[in-house]
Amino acid sequence: MNAYMAIDQYGQTFHDLKHPRKDLMDRLGCQHADKLYIDKADGSIVSAGYVIAGLWLTVYKVTRIDKPA
């Protein structure tokens, strides 16, 4: 199963998110979330997280680093 984390605009982190939107809304005590969009260097626009309770939360997928032995 995928694991996610989020960082808000103040540097506060939220770890161990299995379902990012739902888990963040539960932790922040809110029932509404808007998508957070960012512009990429190539000019495209992508969804990178959520705006919940006045916090701009960028969501990251956490993966294990596998190095060859």
Protein backbone atom coordinates (compact mmCIF):
# COMPACT_ATOMS: atom_id res chain seq x y z
CA MET A 1 0.00 0.00 0.00
CA ASN A 2 1.18 3.51 -0.76
CA ALA A 3 2.19 5.87 2.01
CA TYR A 4 1.97 9.66 1.73
CA MET A 5 3.05 12.70 3.69
CA ALA A 6 2.11 16.38 3.43
CA ILE A 7 3.93 19.63 4.18
CA ASP A 8 2.08 22.93 4.68
CA GLN A 9 3.32 26.43 3.80
CA TYR A 10 4.78 26.84 7.31
CA GLY A 11 6.84 23.63 7.17
CA GLN A 12 4.55 21.59 9.42
CA THR A 13 4.53 17.93 8.37
CA PHE A 14 1.78 15.32 8.42
CA HIS A 15 3.01 11.70 8.22
CA ASP A 16 1.47 8.23 7.78
CA LEU A 17 -1.29 9.27 5.39
CA LYS A 18 -2.94 6.28 3.69
CA HIS A 19 -5.71 8.33 2.02
CA PRO A 20 -4.26 11.87 1.93
CA ARG A 21 -7.41 13.96 1.45
CA LYS A 22 -9.53 12.05 3.96
CA ASP A 23 -6.76 11.68 6.55
CA LEU A 24 -5.82 15.38 6.39
CA MET A 25 -9.44 16.51 6.72
CA ASP A 26 -9.88 14.21 9.75
CA ARG A 27 -6.70 15.50 11.43
CA LEU A 28 -7.58 19.14 10.78
CA GLY A 29 -11.27 18.73 11.72
CA CYS A 30 -12.66 19.93 8.38
CA GLN A 31 -15.18 18.58 5.90
CA HIS A 32 -14.09 20.49 2.80
CA ALA A 33 -10.91 20.49 0.74
CA ASP A 34 -9.95 22.31 -2.44
CA LYS A 35 -7.26 21.08 -4.81
CA LEU A 36 -3.91 22.88 -4.78
CA TYR A 37 -2.53 23.50 -8.28
CA ILE A 38 1.04 24.40 -9.23
CA ASP A 39 2.67 25.50 -12.48
CA LYS A 40 5.46 23.29 -13.80
CA ALA A 41 8.54 24.54 -15.65
CA ASP A 42 7.14 23.31 -18.99
CA GLY A 43 4.04 25.50 -18.54
CA SER A 44 1.63 22.73 -17.57
CA ILE A 45 -0.52 22.87 -14.45
CA VAL A 46 -0.81 19.92 -12.05
CA SER A 47 -2.63 19.17 -8.82
CA ALA A 48 -0.02 18.88 -6.05
CA GLY A 49 -2.13 18.71 -2.88
CA TYR A 50 -5.01 20.36 -1.06
CA VAL A 51 -6.06 23.59 0.63
CA ILE A 52 -7.66 22.61 3.94
CA ALA A 53 -8.46 24.89 6.89
CA GLY A 54 -6.37 27.71 5.39
CA LEU A 55 -3.31 25.47 4.98
CA TRP A 56 -1.73 24.87 1.61
CA LEU A 57 -0.71 21.22 1.84
CA THR A 58 1.65 19.73 -0.74
CA VAL A 59 1.32 15.93 -0.77
CA TYR A 60 4.29 13.62 -1.41
CA LYS A 61 4.35 9.89 -2.07
CA VAL A 62 6.80 8.12 0.26
CA THR A 63 8.82 5.31 -1.32
CA ARG A 64 11.58 3.09 -0.02
CA ILE A 65 15.04 3.55 -1.49
CA ASP A 66 16.18 0.29 -3.07
CA LYS A 67 19.89 0.08 -3.78
CA PRO A 68 21.49 -2.88 -5.51
CA ALA A 69 23.60 -5.02 -3.19
